[in-house]
Amino acid sequence: MLTSISPKLPMRDKALTKDFYLNKLSFKVLGDYEDYLIVRKGHIEIHFFEFKELDPKENYGQVYIRTDDIDNLYQALLDNKVAIHPNGHLQNKPWGQKEFALLDPDNNLLTFGQALKK
């Protein structure tokens, strides 16, 4: 039986990735290894593997993260000066989600979504 999923995303510089997720997105370190990093916030766990040759312009890493408090999360990120993706500001989508998106230092796309109330 399946119980959870933990995406694995590329990172060029562990210190930069760690700083972004801890200080901008308020994640905590769950595991810190030579070329691997695991961060956690609530029930969300993201793994990162070192990929120094990664060209961020060619990175298509993406994660969809569901939340139950999207308005406050969005405002907290704005207050913390986190850059929202130019095409990813908070909005209601036709597929019944309220969403916004941002890019991490390696251009991994993080989309946050909450089901719209019917």
PDB file of N, CA and C in Angstrom:
ATOM      1  N   MET A   1       0.847  -1.183   0.000  1.00  0.00           N
ATOM      2  CA  MET A   1       0.000   0.000   0.000  1.00  0.00           C
ATOM      3  C   MET A   1       0.890   1.243   0.000  1.00  0.00           C
ATOM      4  N   LEU A   2       0.560   2.216  -0.809  1.00  0.00           N
ATOM      5  CA  LEU A   2       1.312   3.461  -0.880  1.00  0.00           C
ATOM      6  C   LEU A   2       0.931   4.380   0.282  1.00  0.00           C
ATOM      7  N   THR A   3       1.923   5.067   0.851  1.00  0.00           N
ATOM      8  CA  THR A   3       1.627   5.926   2.007  1.00  0.00           C
ATOM      9  C   THR A   3       2.067   7.374   1.844  1.00  0.00           C
ATOM     10  N   SER A   4       3.058   7.643   1.007  1.00  0.00           N
ATOM     11  CA  SER A   4       3.491   9.027   0.804  1.00  0.00           C
ATOM     12  C   SER A   4       4.394   9.109  -0.413  1.00  0.00           C
ATOM     13  N   ILE A   5       4.723  10.335  -0.799  1.00  0.00           N
ATOM     14  CA  ILE A   5       5.629  10.559  -1.907  1.00  0.00           C
ATOM     15  C   ILE A   5       6.587  11.674  -1.514  1.00  0.00           C
ATOM     16  N   SER A   6       7.836  11.518  -1.902  1.00  0.00           N
ATOM     17  CA  SER A   6       8.861  12.526  -1.623  1.00  0.00           C
ATOM     18  C   SER A   6       9.605  12.805  -2.919  1.00  0.00           C
ATOM     19  N   PRO A   7       9.315  13.934  -3.547  1.00  0.00           N
ATOM     20  CA  PRO A   7       9.989  14.242  -4.806  1.00  0.00           C
ATOM     21  C   PRO A   7      11.488  14.437  -4.620  1.00  0.00           C
ATOM     22  N   LYS A   8      12.244  14.120  -5.654  1.00  0.00           N
ATOM     23  CA  LYS A   8      13.697  14.318  -5.676  1.00  0.00           C
ATOM     24  C   LYS A   8      14.001  15.326  -6.770  1.00  0.00           C
ATOM     25  N   LEU A   9      14.631  16.431  -6.378  1.00  0.00           N
ATOM     26  CA  LEU A   9      14.921  17.517  -7.305  1.00  0.00           C
ATOM     27  C   LEU A   9      16.418  17.769  -7.375  1.00  0.00           C
ATOM     28  N   PRO A  10      16.903  18.272  -8.513  1.00  0.00           N
ATOM     29  CA  PRO A  10      18.329  18.576  -8.632  1.00  0.00           C
ATOM     30  C   PRO A  10      18.691  19.889  -7.945  1.00  0.00           C
ATOM     31  N   MET A  11      19.931  19.949  -7.468  1.00  0.00           N
ATOM     32  CA  MET A  11      20.467  21.200  -6.903  1.00  0.00           C
ATOM     33  C   MET A  11      21.921  21.326  -7.336  1.00  0.00           C
ATOM     34  N   ARG A  12      22.333  22.546  -7.613  1.00  0.00           N
ATOM     35  CA  ARG A  12      23.726  22.804  -7.992  1.00  0.00           C
ATOM     36  C   ARG A  12      24.588  23.073  -6.773  1.00  0.00           C
ATOM     37  N   ASP A  13      24.036  23.772  -5.787  1.00  0.00           N
ATOM     38  CA  ASP A  13      24.790  24.234  -4.633  1.00  0.00           C
ATOM     39  C   ASP A  13      23.962  23.971  -3.380  1.00  0.00           C
ATOM     40  N   LYS A  14      24.368  23.000  -2.592  1.00  0.00           N
ATOM     41  CA  LYS A  14      23.588  22.604  -1.423  1.00  0.00           C
ATOM     42  C   LYS A  14      23.393  23.753  -0.448  1.00  0.00           C
ATOM     43  N   ALA A  15      24.421  24.564  -0.224  1.00  0.00           N
ATOM     44  CA  ALA A  15      24.306  25.681   0.722  1.00  0.00           C
ATOM     45  C   ALA A  15      23.231  26.670   0.266  1.00  0.00           C
ATOM     46  N   LEU A  16      23.189  26.950  -1.020  1.00  0.00           N
ATOM     47  CA  LEU A  16      22.195  27.878  -1.564  1.00  0.00           C
ATOM     48  C   LEU A  16      20.785  27.291  -1.466  1.00  0.00           C
ATOM     49  N   THR A  17      20.658  26.029  -1.817  1.00  0.00           N
ATOM     50  CA  THR A  17      19.358  25.353  -1.722  1.00  0.00           C
ATOM     51  C   THR A  17      18.881  25.317  -0.281  1.00  0.00           C
ATOM     52  N   LYS A  18      19.758  24.938   0.611  1.00  0.00           N
ATOM     53  CA  LYS A  18      19.430  24.855   2.038  1.00  0.00           C
ATOM     54  C   LYS A  18      18.994  26.220   2.572  1.00  0.00           C
ATOM     55  N   ASP A  19      19.730  27.254   2.236  1.00  0.00           N
ATOM     56  CA  ASP A  19      19.392  28.605   2.679  1.00  0.00           C
ATOM     57  C   ASP A  19      18.007  29.013   2.187  1.00  0.00           C
ATOM     58  N   PHE A  20      17.712  28.755   0.920  1.00  0.00           N
ATOM     59  CA  PHE A  20      16.423  29.134   0.348  1.00  0.00           C
ATOM     60  C   PHE A  20      15.272  28.420   1.055  1.00  0.00           C
ATOM     61  N   TYR A  21      15.368  27.109   1.182  1.00  0.00           N
ATOM     62  CA  TYR A  21      14.260  26.354   1.762  1.00  0.00           C
ATOM     63  C   TYR A  21      14.098  26.619   3.256  1.00  0.00           C
ATOM     64  N   LEU A  22      15.190  26.810   3.978  1.00  0.00           N
ATOM     65  CA  LEU A  22      15.089  27.069   5.410  1.00  0.00           C
ATOM     66  C   LEU A  22      14.703  28.515   5.701  1.00  0.00           C
ATOM     67  N   ASN A  23      15.380  29.460   5.083  1.00  0.00           N
ATOM     68  CA  ASN A  23      15.183  30.863   5.436  1.00  0.00           C
ATOM     69  C   ASN A  23      14.094  31.578   4.659  1.00  0.00           C
ATOM     70  N   LYS A  24      13.758  31.102   3.487  1.00  0.00           N
ATOM     71  CA  LYS A  24      12.689  31.735   2.703  1.00  0.00           C
ATOM     72  C   LYS A  24      11.363  30.992   2.828  1.00  0.00           C
ATOM     73  N   LEU A  25      11.419  29.653   2.852  1.00  0.00           N
ATOM     74  CA  LEU A  25      10.188  28.859   2.860  1.00  0.00           C
ATOM     75  C   LEU A  25       9.884  28.206   4.202  1.00  0.00           C
ATOM     76  N   SER A  26      10.777  28.382   5.183  1.00  0.00           N
ATOM     77  CA  SER A  26      10.582  27.881   6.556  1.00  0.00           C
ATOM     78  C   SER A  26      10.533  26.360   6.672  1.00  0.00           C
ATOM     79  N   PHE A  27      11.253  25.657   5.805  1.00  0.00           N
ATOM     80  CA  PHE A  27      11.416  24.219   5.953  1.00  0.00           C
ATOM     81  C   PHE A  27      12.471  23.965   7.032  1.00  0.00           C
ATOM     82  N   LYS A  28      12.558  22.742   7.495  1.00  0.00           N
ATOM     83  CA  LYS A  28      13.580  22.294   8.448  1.00  0.00           C
ATOM     84  C   LYS A  28      14.399  21.195   7.785  1.00  0.00           C
ATOM     85  N   VAL A  29      15.660  21.068   8.189  1.00  0.00           N
ATOM     86  CA  VAL A  29      16.513  20.007   7.653  1.00  0.00           C
ATOM     87  C   VAL A  29      16.134  18.680   8.294  1.00  0.00           C
ATOM     88  N   LEU A  30      15.905  17.687   7.469  1.00  0.00           N
ATOM     89  CA  LEU A  30      15.627  16.341   7.942  1.00  0.00           C
ATOM     90  C   LEU A  30      16.852  15.457   7.749  1.00  0.00           C
ATOM     91  N   GLY A  31      17.648  15.746   6.718  1.00  0.00           N
ATOM     92  CA  GLY A  31      18.873  14.998   6.457  1.00  0.00           C
ATOM     93  C   GLY A  31      19.825  15.847   5.639  1.00  0.00           C
ATOM     94  N   ASP A  32      21.089  15.857   6.033  1.00  0.00           N
ATOM     95  CA  ASP A  32      22.100  16.670   5.351  1.00  0.00           C
ATOM     96  C   ASP A  32      23.334  15.803   5.154  1.00  0.00           C
ATOM     97  N   TYR A  33      23.568  15.411   3.903  1.00  0.00           N
ATOM     98  CA  TYR A  33      24.659  14.511   3.568  1.00  0.00           C
ATOM     99  C   TYR A  33      25.569  15.184   2.552  1.00  0.00           C
ATOM    100  N   GLU A  34      26.663  14.558   2.213  1.00  0.00           N
ATOM    101  CA  GLU A  34      27.660  15.181   1.343  1.00  0.00           C
ATOM    102  C   GLU A  34      27.063  15.765   0.068  1.00  0.00           C
ATOM    103  N   ASP A  35      26.285  14.981  -0.664  1.00  0.00           N
ATOM    104  CA  ASP A  35      25.719  15.460  -1.919  1.00  0.00           C
ATOM    105  C   ASP A  35      24.207  15.236  -1.990  1.00  0.00           C
ATOM    106  N   TYR A  36      23.570  15.285  -0.829  1.00  0.00           N
ATOM    107  CA  TYR A  36      22.138  15.015  -0.737  1.00  0.00           C
ATOM    108  C   TYR A  36      21.567  15.816   0.418  1.00  0.00           C
ATOM    109  N   LEU A  37      20.349  16.340   0.229  1.00  0.00           N
ATOM    110  CA  LEU A  37      19.691  17.153   1.251  1.00  0.00           C
ATOM    111  C   LEU A  37      18.222  16.763   1.309  1.00  0.00           C
ATOM    112  N   ILE A  38      17.690  16.667   2.514  1.00  0.00           N
ATOM    113  CA  ILE A  38      16.268  16.390   2.710  1.00  0.00           C
ATOM    114  C   ILE A  38      15.712  17.485   3.610  1.00  0.00           C
ATOM    115  N   VAL A  39      14.627  18.138   3.146  1.00  0.00           N
ATOM    116  CA  VAL A  39      13.971  19.169   3.950  1.00  0.00           C
ATOM    117  C   VAL A  39      12.516  18.776   4.170  1.00  0.00           C
ATOM    118  N   ARG A  40      11.948  19.337   5.233  1.00  0.00           N
ATOM    119  CA  ARG A  40      10.576  18.990   5.605  1.00  0.00           C
ATOM    120  C   ARG A  40       9.863  20.215   6.166  1.00  0.00           C
ATOM    121  N   LYS A  41       8.578  20.296   5.839  1.00  0.00           N
ATOM    122  CA  LYS A  41       7.689  21.297   6.431  1.00  0.00           C
ATOM    123  C   LYS A  41       6.323  20.653   6.528  1.00  0.00           C
ATOM    124  N   GLY A  42       5.806  20.561   7.739  1.00  0.00           N
ATOM    125  CA  GLY A  42       4.540  19.857   7.930  1.00  0.00           C
ATOM    126  C   GLY A  42       4.697  18.422   7.476  1.00  0.00           C
ATOM    127  N   HIS A  43       3.831  17.989   6.585  1.00  0.00           N
ATOM    128  CA  HIS A  43       3.894  16.627   6.049  1.00  0.00           C
ATOM    129  C   HIS A  43       4.627  16.554   4.715  1.00  0.00           C
ATOM    130  N   ILE A  44       5.206  17.673   4.293  1.00  0.00           N
ATOM    131  CA  ILE A  44       5.886  17.745   2.997  1.00  0.00           C
ATOM    132  C   ILE A  44       7.376  17.490   3.188  1.00  0.00           C
ATOM    133  N   GLU A  45       7.903  16.575   2.415  1.00  0.00           N
ATOM    134  CA  GLU A  45       9.325  16.238   2.445  1.00  0.00           C
ATOM    135  C   GLU A  45       9.850  16.305   1.013  1.00  0.00           C
ATOM    136  N   ILE A  46      10.938  17.058   0.810  1.00  0.00           N
ATOM    137  CA  ILE A  46      11.551  17.160  -0.514  1.00  0.00           C
ATOM    138  C   ILE A  46      13.011  16.750  -0.400  1.00  0.00           C
ATOM    139  N   HIS A  47      13.439  15.913  -1.322  1.00  0.00           N
ATOM    140  CA  HIS A  47      14.824  15.453  -1.378  1.00  0.00           C
ATOM    141  C   HIS A  47      15.529  16.180  -2.518  1.00  0.00           C
ATOM    142  N   PHE A  48      16.812  16.469  -2.335  1.00  0.00           N
ATOM    143  CA  PHE A  48      17.626  17.116  -3.362  1.00  0.00           C
ATOM    144  C   PHE A  48      18.899  16.319  -3.568  1.00  0.00           C
ATOM    145  N   PHE A  49      19.258  16.127  -4.820  1.00  0.00           N
ATOM    146  CA  PHE A  49      20.515  15.457  -5.153  1.00  0.00           C
ATOM    147  C   PHE A  49      21.417  16.463  -5.857  1.00  0.00           C
ATOM    148  N   GLU A  50      22.712  16.347  -5.609  1.00  0.00           N
ATOM    149  CA  GLU A  50      23.668  17.262  -6.212  1.00  0.00           C
ATOM    150  C   GLU A  50      23.787  17.011  -7.712  1.00  0.00           C
ATOM    151  N   PHE A  51      23.713  18.084  -8.474  1.00  0.00           N
ATOM    152  CA  PHE A  51      23.862  18.041  -9.921  1.00  0.00           C
ATOM    153  C   PHE A  51      24.541  19.358 -10.323  1.00  0.00           C
ATOM    154  N   LYS A  52      25.846  19.420 -10.106  1.00  0.00           N
ATOM    155  CA  LYS A  52      26.609  20.652 -10.306  1.00  0.00           C
ATOM    156  C   LYS A  52      26.563  21.155 -11.748  1.00  0.00           C
ATOM    157  N   GLU A  53      26.398  20.263 -12.716  1.00  0.00           N
ATOM    158  CA  GLU A  53      26.392  20.657 -14.119  1.00  0.00           C
ATOM    159  C   GLU A  53      25.011  21.100 -14.603  1.00  0.00           C
ATOM    160  N   LEU A  54      24.035  21.129 -13.729  1.00  0.00           N
ATOM    161  CA  LEU A  54      22.674  21.500 -14.102  1.00  0.00           C
ATOM    162  C   LEU A  54      22.646  22.904 -14.706  1.00  0.00           C
ATOM    163  N   ASP A  55      21.998  23.029 -15.838  1.00  0.00           N
ATOM    164  CA  ASP A  55      21.728  24.332 -16.428  1.00  0.00           C
ATOM    165  C   ASP A  55      20.308  24.701 -16.011  1.00  0.00           C
ATOM    166  N   PRO A  56      20.139  25.693 -15.128  1.00  0.00           N
ATOM    167  CA  PRO A  56      18.792  26.022 -14.646  1.00  0.00           C
ATOM    168  C   PRO A  56      17.797  26.329 -15.761  1.00  0.00           C
ATOM    169  N   LYS A  57      18.264  26.841 -16.889  1.00  0.00           N
ATOM    170  CA  LYS A  57      17.364  27.145 -18.010  1.00  0.00           C
ATOM    171  C   LYS A  57      16.812  25.877 -18.641  1.00  0.00           C
ATOM    172  N   GLU A  58      17.456  24.746 -18.377  1.00  0.00           N
ATOM    173  CA  GLU A  58      17.002  23.474 -18.936  1.00  0.00           C
ATOM    174  C   GLU A  58      16.432  22.539 -17.867  1.00  0.00           C
ATOM    175  N   ASN A  59      16.165  23.076 -16.689  1.00  0.00           N
ATOM    176  CA  ASN A  59      15.625  22.263 -15.597  1.00  0.00           C
ATOM    177  C   ASN A  59      14.103  22.308 -15.627  1.00  0.00           C
ATOM    178  N   TYR A  60      13.491  21.132 -15.685  1.00  0.00           N
ATOM    179  CA  TYR A  60      12.040  21.048 -15.710  1.00  0.00           C
ATOM    180  C   TYR A  60      11.490  20.397 -14.438  1.00  0.00           C
ATOM    181  N   GLY A  61      12.295  20.417 -13.335  1.00  0.00           N
ATOM    182  CA  GLY A  61      11.824  19.865 -12.073  1.00  0.00           C
ATOM    183  C   GLY A  61      10.604  20.624 -11.580  1.00  0.00           C
ATOM    184  N   GLN A  62       9.580  19.894 -11.178  1.00  0.00           N
ATOM    185  CA  GLN A  62       8.342  20.514 -10.707  1.00  0.00           C
ATOM    186  C   GLN A  62       7.736  19.702  -9.577  1.00  0.00           C
ATOM    187  N   VAL A  63       7.131  20.415  -8.642  1.00  0.00           N
ATOM    188  CA  VAL A  63       6.420  19.772  -7.537  1.00  0.00           C
ATOM    189  C   VAL A  63       5.117  20.532  -7.317  1.00  0.00           C
ATOM    190  N   TYR A  64       4.026  19.795  -7.117  1.00  0.00           N
ATOM    191  CA  TYR A  64       2.737  20.405  -6.756  1.00  0.00           C
ATOM    192  C   TYR A  64       2.505  20.094  -5.284  1.00  0.00           C
ATOM    193  N   ILE A  65       2.357  21.138  -4.479  1.00  0.00           N
ATOM    194  CA  ILE A  65       2.196  20.990  -3.032  1.00  0.00           C
ATOM    195  C   ILE A  65       0.810  21.493  -2.635  1.00  0.00           C
ATOM    196  N   ARG A  66       0.045  20.630  -2.033  1.00  0.00           N
ATOM    197  CA  ARG A  66      -1.295  21.026  -1.573  1.00  0.00           C
ATOM    198  C   ARG A  66      -1.211  21.633  -0.173  1.00  0.00           C
ATOM    199  N   THR A  67      -2.055  22.621   0.059  1.00  0.00           N
ATOM    200  CA  THR A  67      -2.111  23.297   1.347  1.00  0.00           C
ATOM    201  C   THR A  67      -3.568  23.498   1.740  1.00  0.00           C
ATOM    202  N   ASP A  68      -3.801  23.762   3.020  1.00  0.00           N
ATOM    203  CA  ASP A  68      -5.157  24.056   3.474  1.00  0.00           C
ATOM    204  C   ASP A  68      -5.285  25.511   3.940  1.00  0.00           C
ATOM    205  N   ASP A  69      -4.257  26.336   3.643  1.00  0.00           N
ATOM    206  CA  ASP A  69      -4.270  27.741   4.052  1.00  0.00           C
ATOM    207  C   ASP A  69      -3.480  28.579   3.051  1.00  0.00           C
ATOM    208  N   ILE A  70      -3.903  28.534   1.800  1.00  0.00           N
ATOM    209  CA  ILE A  70      -3.116  29.134   0.728  1.00  0.00           C
ATOM    210  C   ILE A  70      -2.981  30.646   0.845  1.00  0.00           C
ATOM    211  N   ASP A  71      -4.016  31.321   1.301  1.00  0.00           N
ATOM    212  CA  ASP A  71      -3.942  32.782   1.401  1.00  0.00           C
ATOM    213  C   ASP A  71      -2.865  33.226   2.390  1.00  0.00           C
ATOM    214  N   ASN A  72      -2.836  32.604   3.556  1.00  0.00           N
ATOM    215  CA  ASN A  72      -1.828  32.967   4.556  1.00  0.00           C
ATOM    216  C   ASN A  72      -0.431  32.542   4.127  1.00  0.00           C
ATOM    217  N   LEU A  73      -0.307  31.384   3.469  1.00  0.00           N
ATOM    218  CA  LEU A  73       0.989  30.943   2.974  1.00  0.00           C
ATOM    219  C   LEU A  73       1.523  31.925   1.937  1.00  0.00           C
ATOM    220  N   TYR A  74       0.673  32.317   1.012  1.00  0.00           N
ATOM    221  CA  TYR A  74       1.068  33.272  -0.032  1.00  0.00           C
ATOM    222  C   TYR A  74       1.537  34.586   0.592  1.00  0.00           C
ATOM    223  N   GLN A  75       0.754  35.104   1.544  1.00  0.00           N
ATOM    224  CA  GLN A  75       1.116  36.372   2.183  1.00  0.00           C
ATOM    225  C   GLN A  75       2.412  36.249   2.976  1.00  0.00           C
ATOM    226  N   ALA A  76       2.605  35.136   3.661  1.00  0.00           N
ATOM    227  CA  ALA A  76       3.842  34.925   4.429  1.00  0.00           C
ATOM    228  C   ALA A  76       5.059  34.922   3.502  1.00  0.00           C
ATOM    229  N   LEU A  77       4.930  34.311   2.338  1.00  0.00           N
ATOM    230  CA  LEU A  77       6.038  34.294   1.386  1.00  0.00           C
ATOM    231  C   LEU A  77       6.306  35.695   0.828  1.00  0.00           C
ATOM    232  N   LEU A  78       5.254  36.436   0.538  1.00  0.00           N
ATOM    233  CA  LEU A  78       5.434  37.821   0.096  1.00  0.00           C
ATOM    234  C   LEU A  78       6.122  38.648   1.181  1.00  0.00           C
ATOM    235  N   ASP A  79       5.678  38.466   2.428  1.00  0.00           N
ATOM    236  CA  ASP A  79       6.276  39.195   3.553  1.00  0.00           C
ATOM    237  C   ASP A  79       7.758  38.856   3.718  1.00  0.00           C
ATOM    238  N   ASN A  80       8.114  37.625   3.357  1.00  0.00           N
ATOM    239  CA  ASN A  80       9.500  37.171   3.472  1.00  0.00           C
ATOM    240  C   ASN A  80      10.299  37.463   2.195  1.00  0.00           C
ATOM    241  N   LYS A  81       9.707  38.257   1.303  1.00  0.00           N
ATOM    242  CA  LYS A  81      10.377  38.706   0.074  1.00  0.00           C
ATOM    243  C   LYS A  81      10.741  37.552  -0.866  1.00  0.00           C
ATOM    244  N   VAL A  82       9.920  36.509  -0.872  1.00  0.00           N
ATOM    245  CA  VAL A  82      10.111  35.401  -1.810  1.00  0.00           C
ATOM    246  C   VAL A  82       9.515  35.812  -3.154  1.00  0.00           C
ATOM    247  N   ALA A  83      10.290  35.667  -4.208  1.00  0.00           N
ATOM    248  CA  ALA A  83       9.823  36.034  -5.547  1.00  0.00           C
ATOM    249  C   ALA A  83       8.807  35.009  -6.046  1.00  0.00           C
ATOM    250  N   ILE A  84       7.645  35.494  -6.400  1.00  0.00           N
ATOM    251  CA  ILE A  84       6.608  34.648  -6.988  1.00  0.00           C
ATOM    252  C   ILE A  84       6.868  34.589  -8.499  1.00  0.00           C
ATOM    253  N   HIS A  85       6.623  33.439  -9.091  1.00  0.00           N
ATOM    254  CA  HIS A  85       6.826  33.276 -10.538  1.00  0.00           C
ATOM    255  C   HIS A  85       6.001  34.343 -11.271  1.00  0.00           C
ATOM    256  N   PRO A  86       6.565  34.975 -12.301  1.00  0.00           N
ATOM    257  CA  PRO A  86       5.830  36.035 -13.017  1.00  0.00           C
ATOM    258  C   PRO A  86       4.463  35.591 -13.547  1.00  0.00           C
ATOM    259  N   ASN A  87       4.329  34.323 -13.896  1.00  0.00           N
ATOM    260  CA  ASN A  87       3.042  33.803 -14.372  1.00  0.00           C
ATOM    261  C   ASN A  87       2.328  32.998 -13.299  1.00  0.00           C
ATOM    262  N   GLY A  88       2.780  33.121 -12.045  1.00  0.00           N
ATOM    263  CA  GLY A  88       2.251  32.243 -11.013  1.00  0.00           C
ATOM    264  C   GLY A  88       1.660  32.928  -9.798  1.00  0.00           C
ATOM    265  N   HIS A  89       1.172  34.154  -9.970  1.00  0.00           N
ATOM    266  CA  HIS A  89       0.561  34.832  -8.825  1.00  0.00           C
ATOM    267  C   HIS A  89      -0.722  34.121  -8.410  1.00  0.00           C
ATOM    268  N   LEU A  90      -1.126  34.317  -7.181  1.00  0.00           N
ATOM    269  CA  LEU A  90      -2.287  33.639  -6.605  1.00  0.00           C
ATOM    270  C   LEU A  90      -3.530  33.900  -7.454  1.00  0.00           C
ATOM    271  N   GLN A  91      -4.153  32.811  -7.884  1.00  0.00           N
ATOM    272  CA  GLN A  91      -5.368  32.938  -8.689  1.00  0.00           C
ATOM    273  C   GLN A  91      -6.177  31.643  -8.656  1.00  0.00           C
ATOM    274  N   ASN A  92      -7.462  31.791  -8.928  1.00  0.00           N
ATOM    275  CA  ASN A  92      -8.352  30.641  -9.044  1.00  0.00           C
ATOM    276  C   ASN A  92      -8.206  30.048 -10.439  1.00  0.00           C
ATOM    277  N   LYS A  93      -8.075  28.740 -10.490  1.00  0.00           N
ATOM    278  CA  LYS A  93      -7.886  28.042 -11.761  1.00  0.00           C
ATOM    279  C   LYS A  93      -9.177  27.329 -12.158  1.00  0.00           C
ATOM    280  N   PRO A  94      -9.389  27.123 -13.471  1.00  0.00           N
ATOM    281  CA  PRO A  94     -10.625  26.461 -13.914  1.00  0.00           C
ATOM    282  C   PRO A  94     -10.745  25.015 -13.460  1.00  0.00           C
ATOM    283  N   TRP A  95      -9.651  24.402 -13.011  1.00  0.00           N
ATOM    284  CA  TRP A  95      -9.712  23.008 -12.561  1.00  0.00           C
ATOM    285  C   TRP A  95     -10.025  22.908 -11.066  1.00  0.00           C
ATOM    286  N   GLY A  96     -10.531  24.016 -10.468  1.00  0.00           N
ATOM    287  CA  GLY A  96     -11.023  23.965  -9.097  1.00  0.00           C
ATOM    288  C   GLY A  96      -9.968  24.140  -8.023  1.00  0.00           C
ATOM    289  N   GLN A  97      -8.842  24.744  -8.377  1.00  0.00           N
ATOM    290  CA  GLN A  97      -7.767  24.987  -7.410  1.00  0.00           C
ATOM    291  C   GLN A  97      -7.460  26.476  -7.350  1.00  0.00           C
ATOM    292  N   LYS A  98      -7.065  26.941  -6.184  1.00  0.00           N
ATOM    293  CA  LYS A  98      -6.489  28.269  -6.010  1.00  0.00           C
ATOM    294  C   LYS A  98      -4.997  28.024  -5.894  1.00  0.00           C
ATOM    295  N   GLU A  99      -4.185  28.669  -6.760  1.00  0.00           N
ATOM    296  CA  GLU A  99      -2.771  28.314  -6.872  1.00  0.00           C
ATOM    297  C   GLU A  99      -1.871  29.530  -6.987  1.00  0.00           C
ATOM    298  N   PHE A 100      -0.596  29.296  -6.651  1.00  0.00           N
ATOM    299  CA  PHE A 100       0.486  30.208  -7.000  1.00  0.00           C
ATOM    300  C   PHE A 100       1.741  29.366  -7.164  1.00  0.00           C
ATOM    301  N   ALA A 101       2.773  29.953  -7.780  1.00  0.00           N
ATOM    302  CA  ALA A 101       3.989  29.197  -8.051  1.00  0.00           C
ATOM    303  C   ALA A 101       5.222  30.074  -7.864  1.00  0.00           C
ATOM    304  N   LEU A 102       6.344  29.406  -7.592  1.00  0.00           N
ATOM    305  CA  LEU A 102       7.625  30.093  -7.477  1.00  0.00           C
ATOM    306  C   LEU A 102       8.722  29.162  -7.953  1.00  0.00           C
ATOM    307  N   LEU A 103       9.889  29.744  -8.191  1.00  0.00           N
ATOM    308  CA  LEU A 103      11.053  28.977  -8.610  1.00  0.00           C
ATOM    309  C   LEU A 103      12.098  28.996  -7.512  1.00  0.00           C
ATOM    310  N   ASP A 104      12.734  27.853  -7.277  1.00  0.00           N
ATOM    311  CA  ASP A 104      13.837  27.822  -6.314  1.00  0.00           C
ATOM    312  C   ASP A 104      15.123  28.235  -7.036  1.00  0.00           C
ATOM    313  N   PRO A 105      16.261  28.277  -6.353  1.00  0.00           N
ATOM    314  CA  PRO A 105      17.498  28.747  -6.980  1.00  0.00           C
ATOM    315  C   PRO A 105      17.948  27.952  -8.213  1.00  0.00           C
ATOM    316  N   ASP A 106      17.434  26.733  -8.390  1.00  0.00           N
ATOM    317  CA  ASP A 106      17.813  25.917  -9.546  1.00  0.00           C
ATOM    318  C   ASP A 106      16.703  25.830 -10.589  1.00  0.00           C
ATOM    319  N   ASN A 107      15.716  26.700 -10.457  1.00  0.00           N
ATOM    320  CA  ASN A 107      14.562  26.742 -11.361  1.00  0.00           C
ATOM    321  C   ASN A 107      13.641  25.534 -11.233  1.00  0.00           C
ATOM    322  N   ASN A 108      13.656  24.861 -10.100  1.00  0.00           N
ATOM    323  CA  ASN A 108      12.633  23.868  -9.817  1.00  0.00           C
ATOM    324  C   ASN A 108      11.349  24.641  -9.536  1.00  0.00           C
ATOM    325  N   LEU A 109      10.269  24.292 -10.220  1.00  0.00           N
ATOM    326  CA  LEU A 109       8.994  24.981 -10.064  1.00  0.00           C
ATOM    327  C   LEU A 109       8.209  24.369  -8.910  1.00  0.00           C
ATOM    328  N   LEU A 110       7.849  25.203  -7.941  1.00  0.00           N
ATOM    329  CA  LEU A 110       7.011  24.773  -6.820  1.00  0.00           C
ATOM    330  C   LEU A 110       5.654  25.440  -6.990  1.00  0.00           C
ATOM    331  N   THR A 111       4.623  24.638  -7.201  1.00  0.00           N
ATOM    332  CA  THR A 111       3.264  25.160  -7.305  1.00  0.00           C
ATOM    333  C   THR A 111       2.518  24.748  -6.052  1.00  0.00           C
ATOM    334  N   PHE A 112       1.868  25.705  -5.416  1.00  0.00           N
ATOM    335  CA  PHE A 112       1.092  25.473  -4.208  1.00  0.00           C
ATOM    336  C   PHE A 112      -0.377  25.614  -4.568  1.00  0.00           C
ATOM    337  N   GLY A 113      -1.213  24.683  -4.111  1.00  0.00           N
ATOM    338  CA  GLY A 113      -2.614  24.711  -4.461  1.00  0.00           C
ATOM    339  C   GLY A 113      -3.535  24.288  -3.345  1.00  0.00           C
ATOM    340  N   GLN A 114      -4.733  24.858  -3.371  1.00  0.00           N
ATOM    341  CA  GLN A 114      -5.777  24.491  -2.420  1.00  0.00           C
ATOM    342  C   GLN A 114      -7.084  24.371  -3.191  1.00  0.00           C
ATOM    343  N   ALA A 115      -7.852  23.341  -2.875  1.00  0.00           N
ATOM    344  CA  ALA A 115      -9.144  23.140  -3.538  1.00  0.00           C
ATOM    345  C   ALA A 115     -10.068  24.304  -3.229  1.00  0.00           C
ATOM    346  N   LEU A 116     -10.751  24.788  -4.270  1.00  0.00           N
ATOM    347  CA  LEU A 116     -11.732  25.846  -4.087  1.00  0.00           C
ATOM    348  C   LEU A 116     -12.976  25.263  -3.435  1.00  0.00           C
ATOM    349  N   LYS A 117     -13.554  26.037  -2.560  1.00  0.00           N
ATOM    350  CA  LYS A 117     -14.802  25.586  -1.915  1.00  0.00           C
ATOM    351  C   LYS A 117     -15.931  25.663  -2.932  1.00  0.00           C
ATOM    352  N   LYS A 118     -16.767  24.660  -2.901  1.00  0.00           N
ATOM    353  CA  LYS A 118     -17.895  24.606  -3.852  1.00  0.00           C
ATOM    354  C   LYS A 118     -19.141  25.136  -3.243  1.00  0.00           C
TER     355      LYS A 118
END
